[in-house]
Structures are given as structure tokens and as C-alpha cells.
Amino acid sequence: MNFDLCERIVENISKVIVGKNRSIELLLVALLADGHVLIEDVPGLGKTLMAKSLARSIGGSIKRVQFTPDLLPADITGFNVYNQQTGQFTFQPGPVITNILLADEINRTIPRTQASLLESMEERQVTVDGKTFPLPHPFFVMATQNPIELEGTFPLPEAQLDRFLLKIKLGYPEKDEEISILERFQEENPLLELEAVANPEQITELQQARKKVRISSPVRQYITDIVRATRGHKSLRFGASPRGSLGLMRTGQALATLRGREYVLPDDIKYLVRPVLAHRLILKEEERLQGKEQEHFLEDIINQIPVPAPSG
């Protein structure tokens, strides 16, 4: 039942999004693992379209916020407005009160506003003038940042990057995929005809079911070995924290759920190491100046650590 529902959601999103099966899968992994996603790529690759397709597919609400330097925390969380007729303050909800929040170009706003969003992501609530308002379930943030424009940006500190469960790079489409995009969008926008194949309550149930997916002792050992190896690597100034280990465990369970299994395989972990851990690692200065990337060293680590025999 869980697998059928997951498959329907993936197929539904694929009616709009062409050739991004891995990205769609990772997006759903983050959703089932009750985490959030940071997408780093150039404009025009379908980030907004993917978020809207996901929201429509699960029957959830979606809000989009374009982050700018003058955006304030209250513009995200909401604020109280004085009602002259009643003589009382009324809470005006911000865009964060939704199922899916698309935070466009999060690195363009001031750190104070970034922090207010990340607080909502972690605590699943907003506090305005001492009163707390819970966020709906599920609550899923897709934040984007443009890696090629650095002027006028406020890069997320490493401690805040660590709050994102996954970091995804969409990449340019292949030639045949780009031709398919032209054909699909020539006469109409398929998003407008996309119908829900699930509801938010079913997504919450999937998130609960994910927690029961089995992880054997050898796979837990494998996760720990990978994360601990990042801390002692000669080219890394700082490795992943235990939050990285937990992230691999949760996403491994979510991927197994998506693929119709009740247990996690070592291959699930290998598949997820880069999107889960790369943004949590800090390179040494000399490596960074040589243009090296975290993924390169994660590849070394994966190749050096013995893979445990699969067990179901």
C-alpha cells in the first residue's frame, strides 16, 4: 500500500517534470523523512515547477517567498494586526503556515530572516508576541540558492546548512529531455491539469510508517563508519556531526519505503551519502582554493569502507 502510493506520487510529478527522476525521488525521500531540502542550481531548471507539482500531487497547500535583502522575519512568520472594531490584535499568518514552502534564493536575505525560517523548520511552530502557533502537517521547506551570483548575498552559515536534510543539484537536462520539455509545454502547461493522488494525512501516515522500517546492526555500523571517516579525513577541516548519521538513517528508511521494502540496504546508504553529507563537510582552505568539492572526498570514503553483506 505504501509503495503503491509512493509510486503514484512519483508518476504524477513526472507528468510535469521531464527527466529528473533522481531529483524527484530525493525530494520524496526528504518529505517522508520529515526533513527539508536545499536546491542549489542556476535559474530556469524547474525548481518552482517541481515544488508546485509535489504540492498538487499530495493535495497540500504551497506558498512561495522570494527572499530579498529587505525581507523581515515577520514577513515569513506573520504578525499581529490591531482590529479597531474589536479593540484586539488579530494574528495575520505568514507564508510559513503551509504544507510546502518554496523559499526562493534564501541566500539573498539577511541572516536574521534566514534564522527565523530555520527556527520554524526545526521546531515546526512560530512564536509571535509570545504566542505559539503550530505549523500544519506535513511541513516541508524547499529552499533554493543560486551558486553563480555572489554579489548581494548572505551565504548560509555551516550550522544552518546542517539543518537541511538533503542538498540537491538538478543539473541541465539531456538533449532528448529538453526536446521533450518543448513538446510537453508547447500548447499548454501540464501543471494546470495535474490532480492530487494523495492527501496530507496520507503523507503523515507514510512518515510514521517510515520510522518502522528495519535497519540491521551491520547497516547502522556502516552509517557510523562513513560519518566518522569524514571527521578524520586529511582534506576536511570538519566532518559530519551525529545529525549527519541520523540523516542517513532517516533517509535510508524513507528510500526503502519508496522502493517497497521494509528494511534498509547498504546500497540505500551509498546512494544517499552525497546528498545527505556533502553540505555538512567543511574543506580545508588549500583544497577549496584548488576547486575541490566535498563529493570528491566522500567518493574516496565510500570506496575505502567495506560494505556489509545485505540482510533482510
C-alpha atoms as a PDB file:
ATOM      1  CA  MET A   1       0.000   0.000   0.000  1.00  0.00           C
ATOM      2  CA  ASN A   2       2.781   2.448   0.950  1.00  0.00           C
ATOM      3  CA  PHE A   3       4.757   1.543  -2.164  1.00  0.00           C
ATOM      4  CA  ASP A   4       1.711   1.983  -4.427  1.00  0.00           C
ATOM      5  CA  LEU A   5       1.021   5.425  -3.009  1.00  0.00           C
ATOM      6  CA  CYS A   6       4.667   6.490  -3.384  1.00  0.00           C
ATOM      7  CA  GLU A   7       4.721   5.207  -6.950  1.00  0.00           C
ATOM      8  CA  ARG A   8       1.565   7.177  -7.815  1.00  0.00           C
ATOM      9  CA  ILE A   9       3.086  10.385  -6.450  1.00  0.00           C
ATOM     10  CA  VAL A  10       6.322   9.911  -8.433  1.00  0.00           C
ATOM     11  CA  GLU A  11       4.403   9.136 -11.649  1.00  0.00           C
ATOM     12  CA  ASN A  12       2.148  12.135 -11.131  1.00  0.00           C
ATOM     13  CA  ILE A  13       5.044  14.569 -10.698  1.00  0.00           C
ATOM     14  CA  SER A  14       6.710  13.038 -13.780  1.00  0.00           C
ATOM     15  CA  LYS A  15       3.723  14.164 -15.869  1.00  0.00           C
ATOM     16  CA  VAL A  16       5.084  17.679 -15.471  1.00  0.00           C
ATOM     17  CA  ILE A  17       8.805  17.285 -14.735  1.00  0.00           C
ATOM     18  CA  VAL A  18      10.887  15.706 -17.506  1.00  0.00           C
ATOM     19  CA  GLY A  19      13.927  13.519 -16.819  1.00  0.00           C
ATOM     20  CA  LYS A  20      14.566  14.381 -13.177  1.00  0.00           C
ATOM     21  CA  ASN A  21      13.678  11.011 -11.663  1.00  0.00           C
ATOM     22  CA  ARG A  22      16.547  11.045  -9.157  1.00  0.00           C
ATOM     23  CA  SER A  23      15.700  14.572  -8.007  1.00  0.00           C
ATOM     24  CA  ILE A  24      12.017  13.678  -7.625  1.00  0.00           C
ATOM     25  CA  GLU A  25      12.962  10.568  -5.653  1.00  0.00           C
ATOM     26  CA  LEU A  26      15.285  12.543  -3.354  1.00  0.00           C
ATOM     27  CA  LEU A  27      12.588  15.166  -2.858  1.00  0.00           C
ATOM     28  CA  LEU A  28      10.157  12.490  -1.691  1.00  0.00           C
ATOM     29  CA  VAL A  29      12.864  10.891   0.463  1.00  0.00           C
ATOM     30  CA  ALA A  30      13.235  14.191   2.320  1.00  0.00           C
ATOM     31  CA  LEU A  31       9.454  14.553   2.647  1.00  0.00           C
ATOM     32  CA  LEU A  32       8.981  11.028   4.056  1.00  0.00           C
ATOM     33  CA  ALA A  33      11.959  11.529   6.369  1.00  0.00           C
ATOM     34  CA  ASP A  34      10.234  14.699   7.676  1.00  0.00           C
ATOM     35  CA  GLY A  35      13.178  16.871   6.655  1.00  0.00           C
ATOM     36  CA  HIS A  36      13.827  19.803   4.327  1.00  0.00           C
ATOM     37  CA  VAL A  37      15.714  20.280   1.061  1.00  0.00           C
ATOM     38  CA  LEU A  38      18.186  22.851  -0.212  1.00  0.00           C
ATOM     39  CA  ILE A  39      18.397  23.027  -4.017  1.00  0.00           C
ATOM     40  CA  GLU A  40      21.466  24.748  -5.403  1.00  0.00           C
ATOM     41  CA  ASP A  41      21.420  25.400  -9.120  1.00  0.00           C
ATOM     42  CA  VAL A  42      21.123  28.065 -11.783  1.00  0.00           C
ATOM     43  CA  PRO A  43      17.720  29.655 -12.545  1.00  0.00           C
ATOM     44  CA  GLY A  44      15.317  28.110 -15.038  1.00  0.00           C
ATOM     45  CA  LEU A  45      15.789  24.408 -14.265  1.00  0.00           C
ATOM     46  CA  GLY A  46      12.294  23.818 -12.870  1.00  0.00           C
ATOM     47  CA  LYS A  47      12.718  24.218  -9.108  1.00  0.00           C
ATOM     48  CA  THR A  48       9.432  26.123  -8.682  1.00  0.00           C
ATOM     49  CA  LEU A  49       7.631  23.787 -11.072  1.00  0.00           C
ATOM     50  CA  MET A  50       8.840  20.768  -9.097  1.00  0.00           C
ATOM     51  CA  ALA A  51       7.621  22.250  -5.799  1.00  0.00           C
ATOM     52  CA  LYS A  52       4.190  23.074  -7.266  1.00  0.00           C
ATOM     53  CA  SER A  53       3.910  19.604  -8.818  1.00  0.00           C
ATOM     54  CA  LEU A  54       4.690  17.988  -5.473  1.00  0.00           C
ATOM     55  CA  ALA A  55       2.153  20.172  -3.659  1.00  0.00           C
ATOM     56  CA  ARG A  56      -0.585  19.357  -6.172  1.00  0.00           C
ATOM     57  CA  SER A  57       0.230  15.659  -6.095  1.00  0.00           C
ATOM     58  CA  ILE A  58      -0.181  15.409  -2.303  1.00  0.00           C
ATOM     59  CA  GLY A  59      -3.174  17.771  -2.179  1.00  0.00           C
ATOM     60  CA  GLY A  60      -1.283  20.188   0.045  1.00  0.00           C
ATOM     61  CA  SER A  61      -1.024  23.948   0.247  1.00  0.00           C
ATOM     62  CA  ILE A  62       2.025  25.757  -1.115  1.00  0.00           C
ATOM     63  CA  LYS A  63       3.425  29.248  -0.597  1.00  0.00           C
ATOM     64  CA  ARG A  64       6.369  30.829  -2.388  1.00  0.00           C
ATOM     65  CA  VAL A  65       8.556  33.550  -0.913  1.00  0.00           C
ATOM     66  CA  GLN A  66      11.126  35.447  -2.950  1.00  0.00           C
ATOM     67  CA  PHE A  67      13.876  36.222  -0.468  1.00  0.00           C
ATOM     68  CA  THR A  68      15.308  39.745  -0.732  1.00  0.00           C
ATOM     69  CA  PRO A  69      17.641  41.815   1.488  1.00  0.00           C
ATOM     70  CA  ASP A  70      14.711  43.834   2.912  1.00  0.00           C
ATOM     71  CA  LEU A  71      12.640  40.770   3.915  1.00  0.00           C
ATOM     72  CA  LEU A  72      11.966  40.715   7.671  1.00  0.00           C
ATOM     73  CA  PRO A  73      11.215  37.738   9.969  1.00  0.00           C
ATOM     74  CA  ALA A  74       7.600  38.914  10.357  1.00  0.00           C
ATOM     75  CA  ASP A  75       7.202  38.644   6.564  1.00  0.00           C
ATOM     76  CA  ILE A  76       7.814  34.909   6.983  1.00  0.00           C
ATOM     77  CA  THR A  77       6.200  34.036  10.315  1.00  0.00           C
ATOM     78  CA  GLY A  78       3.293  36.501  10.345  1.00  0.00           C
ATOM     79  CA  PHE A  79       2.358  39.390  12.643  1.00  0.00           C
ATOM     80  CA  ASN A  80      -0.416  40.785  14.814  1.00  0.00           C
ATOM     81  CA  VAL A  81      -2.721  43.446  13.380  1.00  0.00           C
ATOM     82  CA  TYR A  82      -4.801  45.762  15.578  1.00  0.00           C
ATOM     83  CA  ASN A  83      -8.528  45.447  14.886  1.00  0.00           C
ATOM     84  CA  GLN A  84     -10.201  48.767  15.632  1.00  0.00           C
ATOM     85  CA  GLN A  85     -13.687  47.227  15.728  1.00  0.00           C
ATOM     86  CA  THR A  86     -12.886  44.666  18.426  1.00  0.00           C
ATOM     87  CA  GLY A  87     -10.074  46.573  20.108  1.00  0.00           C
ATOM     88  CA  GLN A  88      -7.899  43.452  19.943  1.00  0.00           C
ATOM     89  CA  PHE A  89      -4.921  42.222  17.975  1.00  0.00           C
ATOM     90  CA  THR A  90      -5.546  39.582  15.303  1.00  0.00           C
ATOM     91  CA  PHE A  91      -2.839  37.252  14.060  1.00  0.00           C
ATOM     92  CA  GLN A  92      -2.132  37.585  10.355  1.00  0.00           C
ATOM     93  CA  PRO A  93      -0.472  34.282   9.337  1.00  0.00           C
ATOM     94  CA  GLY A  94       2.728  34.430   7.308  1.00  0.00           C
ATOM     95  CA  PRO A  95       3.542  32.236   4.308  1.00  0.00           C
ATOM     96  CA  VAL A  96       5.343  29.736   6.579  1.00  0.00           C
ATOM     97  CA  ILE A  97       1.936  28.378   7.646  1.00  0.00           C
ATOM     98  CA  THR A  98       1.560  25.968   4.751  1.00  0.00           C
ATOM     99  CA  ASN A  99       2.369  22.373   3.786  1.00  0.00           C
ATOM    100  CA  ILE A 100       5.111  23.225   1.295  1.00  0.00           C
ATOM    101  CA  LEU A 101       7.122  26.437   1.448  1.00  0.00           C
ATOM    102  CA  LEU A 102       9.322  27.369  -1.509  1.00  0.00           C
ATOM    103  CA  ALA A 103      11.994  29.699  -0.145  1.00  0.00           C
ATOM    104  CA  ASP A 104      13.463  31.139  -3.331  1.00  0.00           C
ATOM    105  CA  GLU A 105      17.071  32.356  -3.155  1.00  0.00           C
ATOM    106  CA  ILE A 106      17.352  32.014   0.614  1.00  0.00           C
ATOM    107  CA  ASN A 107      20.912  33.366   0.474  1.00  0.00           C
ATOM    108  CA  ARG A 108      19.651  36.794  -0.657  1.00  0.00           C
ATOM    109  CA  THR A 109      18.085  37.733   2.666  1.00  0.00           C
ATOM    110  CA  ILE A 110      19.648  38.894   5.928  1.00  0.00           C
ATOM    111  CA  PRO A 111      20.829  36.301   8.496  1.00  0.00           C
ATOM    112  CA  ARG A 112      18.088  37.310  10.953  1.00  0.00           C
ATOM    113  CA  THR A 113      15.364  36.376   8.462  1.00  0.00           C
ATOM    114  CA  GLN A 114      17.191  33.176   7.499  1.00  0.00           C
ATOM    115  CA  ALA A 115      17.329  32.233  11.178  1.00  0.00           C
ATOM    116  CA  SER A 116      13.585  32.815  11.658  1.00  0.00           C
ATOM    117  CA  LEU A 117      12.800  30.345   8.854  1.00  0.00           C
ATOM    118  CA  LEU A 118      15.271  27.774  10.129  1.00  0.00           C
ATOM    119  CA  GLU A 119      13.721  28.014  13.602  1.00  0.00           C
ATOM    120  CA  SER A 120      10.317  27.171  12.086  1.00  0.00           C
ATOM    121  CA  MET A 121      11.881  24.266  10.187  1.00  0.00           C
ATOM    122  CA  GLU A 122      13.369  22.796  13.355  1.00  0.00           C
ATOM    123  CA  GLU A 123      10.558  23.408  15.863  1.00  0.00           C
ATOM    124  CA  ARG A 124       7.546  23.161  13.489  1.00  0.00           C
ATOM    125  CA  GLN A 125       5.997  26.234  15.076  1.00  0.00           C
ATOM    126  CA  VAL A 126       6.140  30.032  15.020  1.00  0.00           C
ATOM    127  CA  THR A 127       6.043  32.344  18.011  1.00  0.00           C
ATOM    128  CA  VAL A 128       4.668  35.875  17.594  1.00  0.00           C
ATOM    129  CA  ASP A 129       4.472  38.247  20.560  1.00  0.00           C
ATOM    130  CA  GLY A 130       4.818  35.349  22.984  1.00  0.00           C
ATOM    131  CA  LYS A 131       2.054  33.230  21.437  1.00  0.00           C
ATOM    132  CA  THR A 132       2.931  29.973  19.687  1.00  0.00           C
ATOM    133  CA  PHE A 133       1.230  28.730  16.532  1.00  0.00           C
ATOM    134  CA  PRO A 134       1.842  25.149  15.329  1.00  0.00           C
ATOM    135  CA  LEU A 135       2.634  24.560  11.661  1.00  0.00           C
ATOM    136  CA  PRO A 136       0.497  22.170   9.602  1.00  0.00           C
ATOM    137  CA  HIS A 137       1.476  18.555   8.922  1.00  0.00           C
ATOM    138  CA  PRO A 138       3.308  17.793   6.799  1.00  0.00           C
ATOM    139  CA  PHE A 139       5.536  20.873   6.741  1.00  0.00           C
ATOM    140  CA  PHE A 140       8.219  20.796   4.059  1.00  0.00           C
ATOM    141  CA  VAL A 141      10.651  23.539   3.027  1.00  0.00           C
ATOM    142  CA  MET A 142      12.303  23.640  -0.389  1.00  0.00           C
ATOM    143  CA  ALA A 143      14.926  26.371  -0.269  1.00  0.00           C
ATOM    144  CA  THR A 144      16.900  27.399  -3.331  1.00  0.00           C
ATOM    145  CA  GLN A 145      20.113  29.290  -3.826  1.00  0.00           C
ATOM    146  CA  ASN A 146      21.886  30.440  -6.963  1.00  0.00           C
ATOM    147  CA  PRO A 147      25.565  29.388  -6.891  1.00  0.00           C
ATOM    148  CA  ILE A 148      26.743  31.753  -9.653  1.00  0.00           C
ATOM    149  CA  GLU A 149      25.655  35.125  -8.261  1.00  0.00           C
ATOM    150  CA  LEU A 150      27.500  36.036  -5.066  1.00  0.00           C
ATOM    151  CA  GLU A 151      27.051  39.825  -5.073  1.00  0.00           C
ATOM    152  CA  GLY A 152      24.469  40.958  -2.538  1.00  0.00           C
ATOM    153  CA  THR A 153      24.097  37.515  -0.962  1.00  0.00           C
ATOM    154  CA  PHE A 154      24.332  36.252   2.613  1.00  0.00           C
ATOM    155  CA  PRO A 155      25.663  32.680   2.448  1.00  0.00           C
ATOM    156  CA  LEU A 156      24.092  30.306   4.950  1.00  0.00           C
ATOM    157  CA  PRO A 157      26.463  29.532   7.854  1.00  0.00           C
ATOM    158  CA  GLU A 158      27.549  25.896   8.154  1.00  0.00           C
ATOM    159  CA  ALA A 159      25.413  25.436  11.284  1.00  0.00           C
ATOM    160  CA  GLN A 160      22.322  26.448   9.317  1.00  0.00           C
ATOM    161  CA  LEU A 161      23.239  24.403   6.247  1.00  0.00           C
ATOM    162  CA  ASP A 162      23.339  21.417   8.602  1.00  0.00           C
ATOM    163  CA  ARG A 163      19.589  21.871   9.243  1.00  0.00           C
ATOM    164  CA  PHE A 164      18.767  20.803   5.693  1.00  0.00           C
ATOM    165  CA  LEU A 165      18.392  17.057   5.433  1.00  0.00           C
ATOM    166  CA  LEU A 166      19.391  16.955   1.751  1.00  0.00           C
ATOM    167  CA  LYS A 167      21.127  19.209  -0.725  1.00  0.00           C
ATOM    168  CA  ILE A 168      20.196  18.561  -4.359  1.00  0.00           C
ATOM    169  CA  LYS A 169      21.637  19.796  -7.651  1.00  0.00           C
ATOM    170  CA  LEU A 170      19.201  19.442 -10.548  1.00  0.00           C
ATOM    171  CA  GLY A 171      21.628  19.952 -13.431  1.00  0.00           C
ATOM    172  CA  TYR A 172      20.850  20.715 -17.069  1.00  0.00           C
ATOM    173  CA  PRO A 173      18.581  18.300 -18.983  1.00  0.00           C
ATOM    174  CA  GLU A 174      19.926  15.976 -21.661  1.00  0.00           C
ATOM    175  CA  LYS A 175      19.213  16.913 -25.279  1.00  0.00           C
ATOM    176  CA  ASP A 176      16.302  14.466 -25.700  1.00  0.00           C
ATOM    177  CA  GLU A 177      14.864  15.598 -22.356  1.00  0.00           C
ATOM    178  CA  GLU A 178      14.989  19.235 -23.444  1.00  0.00           C
ATOM    179  CA  ILE A 179      13.168  18.346 -26.669  1.00  0.00           C
ATOM    180  CA  SER A 180      10.509  16.566 -24.573  1.00  0.00           C
ATOM    181  CA  ILE A 181      10.134  19.709 -22.418  1.00  0.00           C
ATOM    182  CA  LEU A 182       9.466  21.784 -25.561  1.00  0.00           C
ATOM    183  CA  GLU A 183       6.885  19.271 -26.777  1.00  0.00           C
ATOM    184  CA  ARG A 184       5.166  18.976 -23.401  1.00  0.00           C
ATOM    185  CA  PHE A 185       4.840  22.717 -22.842  1.00  0.00           C
ATOM    186  CA  GLN A 186       4.207  23.779 -26.455  1.00  0.00           C
ATOM    187  CA  GLU A 187       0.428  24.138 -26.229  1.00  0.00           C
ATOM    188  CA  GLU A 188      -0.363  24.079 -22.527  1.00  0.00           C
ATOM    189  CA  ASN A 189       1.100  23.847 -19.045  1.00  0.00           C
ATOM    190  CA  PRO A 190       0.598  20.267 -17.758  1.00  0.00           C
ATOM    191  CA  LEU A 191       0.757  21.571 -14.175  1.00  0.00           C
ATOM    192  CA  LEU A 192      -2.672  23.187 -14.607  1.00  0.00           C
ATOM    193  CA  GLU A 193      -4.258  19.774 -15.242  1.00  0.00           C
ATOM    194  CA  LEU A 194      -2.377  17.913 -12.526  1.00  0.00           C
ATOM    195  CA  GLU A 195      -4.669  16.342  -9.931  1.00  0.00           C
ATOM    196  CA  ALA A 196      -3.940  15.125  -6.417  1.00  0.00           C
ATOM    197  CA  VAL A 197      -3.188  11.424  -5.990  1.00  0.00           C
ATOM    198  CA  ALA A 198      -2.768  11.646  -2.192  1.00  0.00           C
ATOM    199  CA  ASN A 199      -3.685  13.892   0.721  1.00  0.00           C
ATOM    200  CA  PRO A 200      -1.624  15.423   3.551  1.00  0.00           C
ATOM    201  CA  GLU A 201      -2.966  12.889   6.062  1.00  0.00           C
ATOM    202  CA  GLN A 202      -1.624  10.027   3.935  1.00  0.00           C
ATOM    203  CA  ILE A 203       1.789  11.707   3.796  1.00  0.00           C
ATOM    204  CA  THR A 204       1.800  11.946   7.595  1.00  0.00           C
ATOM    205  CA  GLU A 205       0.944   8.229   7.739  1.00  0.00           C
ATOM    206  CA  LEU A 206       3.842   7.476   5.368  1.00  0.00           C
ATOM    207  CA  GLN A 207       6.170   9.451   7.632  1.00  0.00           C
ATOM    208  CA  GLN A 208       5.058   7.318  10.564  1.00  0.00           C
ATOM    209  CA  ALA A 209       5.395   4.089   8.560  1.00  0.00           C
ATOM    210  CA  ARG A 210       8.937   5.098   7.566  1.00  0.00           C
ATOM    211  CA  LYS A 211      10.033   5.051  11.211  1.00  0.00           C
ATOM    212  CA  LYS A 212       9.241   1.315  11.415  1.00  0.00           C
ATOM    213  CA  VAL A 213      11.500   0.334   8.514  1.00  0.00           C
ATOM    214  CA  ARG A 214      14.186  -2.008   9.866  1.00  0.00           C
ATOM    215  CA  ILE A 215      17.856  -1.093   9.991  1.00  0.00           C
ATOM    216  CA  SER A 216      20.134  -4.023  10.810  1.00  0.00           C
ATOM    217  CA  SER A 217      23.122  -3.676  13.107  1.00  0.00           C
ATOM    218  CA  PRO A 218      25.641  -4.002  10.195  1.00  0.00           C
ATOM    219  CA  VAL A 219      23.922  -1.163   8.310  1.00  0.00           C
ATOM    220  CA  ARG A 220      23.959   1.044  11.417  1.00  0.00           C
ATOM    221  CA  GLN A 221      27.669   0.235  11.733  1.00  0.00           C
ATOM    222  CA  TYR A 222      28.151   1.148   8.051  1.00  0.00           C
ATOM    223  CA  ILE A 223      26.464   4.532   8.557  1.00  0.00           C
ATOM    224  CA  THR A 224      28.615   5.246  11.600  1.00  0.00           C
ATOM    225  CA  ASP A 225      31.843   4.223   9.825  1.00  0.00           C
ATOM    226  CA  ILE A 226      31.115   6.574   6.904  1.00  0.00           C
ATOM    227  CA  VAL A 227      30.281   9.560   9.110  1.00  0.00           C
ATOM    228  CA  ARG A 228      33.231   9.016  11.439  1.00  0.00           C
ATOM    229  CA  ALA A 229      35.577   8.726   8.444  1.00  0.00           C
ATOM    230  CA  THR A 230      34.633  12.289   7.421  1.00  0.00           C
ATOM    231  CA  ARG A 231      35.890  13.567  10.775  1.00  0.00           C
ATOM    232  CA  GLY A 232      39.371  12.175  10.344  1.00  0.00           C
ATOM    233  CA  HIS A 233      39.867  12.839   6.627  1.00  0.00           C
ATOM    234  CA  LYS A 234      43.080  14.766   5.914  1.00  0.00           C
ATOM    235  CA  SER A 235      41.401  17.110   3.419  1.00  0.00           C
ATOM    236  CA  LEU A 236      38.429  18.054   5.606  1.00  0.00           C
ATOM    237  CA  ARG A 237      38.599  20.677   8.335  1.00  0.00           C
ATOM    238  CA  PHE A 238      35.348  19.473   9.896  1.00  0.00           C
ATOM    239  CA  GLY A 239      33.401  16.282   9.257  1.00  0.00           C
ATOM    240  CA  ALA A 240      29.721  15.472   9.723  1.00  0.00           C
ATOM    241  CA  SER A 241      28.092  15.593  13.163  1.00  0.00           C
ATOM    242  CA  PRO A 242      25.745  12.922  14.607  1.00  0.00           C
ATOM    243  CA  ARG A 243      22.957  14.837  12.840  1.00  0.00           C
ATOM    244  CA  GLY A 244      24.529  13.500   9.631  1.00  0.00           C
ATOM    245  CA  SER A 245      24.313   9.937  10.968  1.00  0.00           C
ATOM    246  CA  LEU A 246      20.667  10.435  11.880  1.00  0.00           C
ATOM    247  CA  GLY A 247      20.060  11.959   8.456  1.00  0.00           C
ATOM    248  CA  LEU A 248      21.481   8.885   6.710  1.00  0.00           C
ATOM    249  CA  MET A 249      19.360   6.606   8.877  1.00  0.00           C
ATOM    250  CA  ARG A 250      16.112   8.530   8.278  1.00  0.00           C
ATOM    251  CA  THR A 251      16.668   8.950   4.546  1.00  0.00           C
ATOM    252  CA  GLY A 252      17.662   5.288   4.242  1.00  0.00           C
ATOM    253  CA  GLN A 253      14.347   4.311   5.813  1.00  0.00           C
ATOM    254  CA  ALA A 254      12.494   6.716   3.517  1.00  0.00           C
ATOM    255  CA  LEU A 255      14.214   5.376   0.381  1.00  0.00           C
ATOM    256  CA  ALA A 256      13.386   1.810   1.386  1.00  0.00           C
ATOM    257  CA  THR A 257       9.734   2.867   1.819  1.00  0.00           C
ATOM    258  CA  LEU A 258       9.719   4.468  -1.632  1.00  0.00           C
ATOM    259  CA  ARG A 259      11.183   1.307  -3.146  1.00  0.00           C
ATOM    260  CA  GLY A 260       8.707  -1.002  -1.446  1.00  0.00           C
ATOM    261  CA  ARG A 261      10.954  -2.560   1.194  1.00  0.00           C
ATOM    262  CA  GLU A 262      10.632  -2.932   4.963  1.00  0.00           C
ATOM    263  CA  TYR A 263      14.386  -2.899   5.549  1.00  0.00           C
ATOM    264  CA  VAL A 264      17.352  -0.701   4.587  1.00  0.00           C
ATOM    265  CA  LEU A 265      20.124  -1.998   2.321  1.00  0.00           C
ATOM    266  CA  PRO A 266      23.748  -0.798   2.337  1.00  0.00           C
ATOM    267  CA  ASP A 267      23.171   0.323  -1.263  1.00  0.00           C
ATOM    268  CA  ASP A 268      20.474   2.704   0.001  1.00  0.00           C
ATOM    269  CA  ILE A 269      23.055   4.362   2.221  1.00  0.00           C
ATOM    270  CA  LYS A 270      25.649   4.573  -0.578  1.00  0.00           C
ATOM    271  CA  TYR A 271      23.028   6.193  -2.826  1.00  0.00           C
ATOM    272  CA  LEU A 272      22.284   8.856  -0.198  1.00  0.00           C
ATOM    273  CA  VAL A 273      25.756   9.670   1.168  1.00  0.00           C
ATOM    274  CA  ARG A 274      26.454  12.613  -1.168  1.00  0.00           C
ATOM    275  CA  PRO A 275      23.130  14.496  -0.915  1.00  0.00           C
ATOM    276  CA  VAL A 276      22.945  13.922   2.853  1.00  0.00           C
ATOM    277  CA  LEU A 277      26.553  14.586   3.888  1.00  0.00           C
ATOM    278  CA  ALA A 278      28.308  16.799   1.293  1.00  0.00           C
ATOM    279  CA  HIS A 279      26.864  20.121   2.528  1.00  0.00           C
ATOM    280  CA  ARG A 280      27.779  19.238   6.116  1.00  0.00           C
ATOM    281  CA  LEU A 281      31.512  18.983   5.432  1.00  0.00           C
ATOM    282  CA  ILE A 282      33.994  21.874   5.548  1.00  0.00           C
ATOM    283  CA  LEU A 283      37.027  21.627   3.303  1.00  0.00           C
ATOM    284  CA  LYS A 284      40.483  22.739   4.311  1.00  0.00           C
ATOM    285  CA  GLU A 285      41.411  26.054   2.714  1.00  0.00           C
ATOM    286  CA  GLU A 286      44.036  24.610   0.360  1.00  0.00           C
ATOM    287  CA  GLU A 287      41.540  22.069  -1.023  1.00  0.00           C
ATOM    288  CA  ARG A 288      38.893  24.740  -1.517  1.00  0.00           C
ATOM    289  CA  LEU A 289      41.347  27.013  -3.380  1.00  0.00           C
ATOM    290  CA  GLN A 290      42.186  24.129  -5.728  1.00  0.00           C
ATOM    291  CA  GLY A 291      38.495  23.893  -6.658  1.00  0.00           C
ATOM    292  CA  LYS A 292      37.924  20.560  -4.941  1.00  0.00           C
ATOM    293  CA  GLU A 293      34.406  19.661  -3.798  1.00  0.00           C
ATOM    294  CA  GLN A 294      33.148  17.658  -0.841  1.00  0.00           C
ATOM    295  CA  GLU A 295      31.643  14.995  -3.111  1.00  0.00           C
ATOM    296  CA  HIS A 296      35.130  14.047  -4.333  1.00  0.00           C
ATOM    297  CA  PHE A 297      36.294  13.112  -0.838  1.00  0.00           C
ATOM    298  CA  LEU A 298      33.042  11.337   0.004  1.00  0.00           C
ATOM    299  CA  GLU A 299      33.678   9.139  -3.033  1.00  0.00           C
ATOM    300  CA  ASP A 300      37.068   8.196  -1.553  1.00  0.00           C
ATOM    301  CA  ILE A 301      35.480   7.378   1.804  1.00  0.00           C
ATOM    302  CA  ILE A 302      32.750   5.213   0.260  1.00  0.00           C
ATOM    303  CA  ASN A 303      35.323   3.271  -1.756  1.00  0.00           C
ATOM    304  CA  GLN A 304      37.512   2.605   1.301  1.00  0.00           C
ATOM    305  CA  ILE A 305      34.845   1.397   3.746  1.00  0.00           C
ATOM    306  CA  PRO A 306      33.789  -2.265   3.400  1.00  0.00           C
ATOM    307  CA  VAL A 307      30.139  -2.728   2.505  1.00  0.00           C
ATOM    308  CA  PRO A 308      28.299  -5.118   4.849  1.00  0.00           C
ATOM    309  CA  ALA A 309      26.507  -8.100   3.416  1.00  0.00           C
ATOM    310  CA  PRO A 310      22.819  -7.261   2.807  1.00  0.00           C
ATOM    311  CA  SER A 311      20.305  -8.713   5.194  1.00  0.00           C
ATOM    312  CA  GLY A 312      16.531  -8.523   5.007  1.00  0.00           C
END
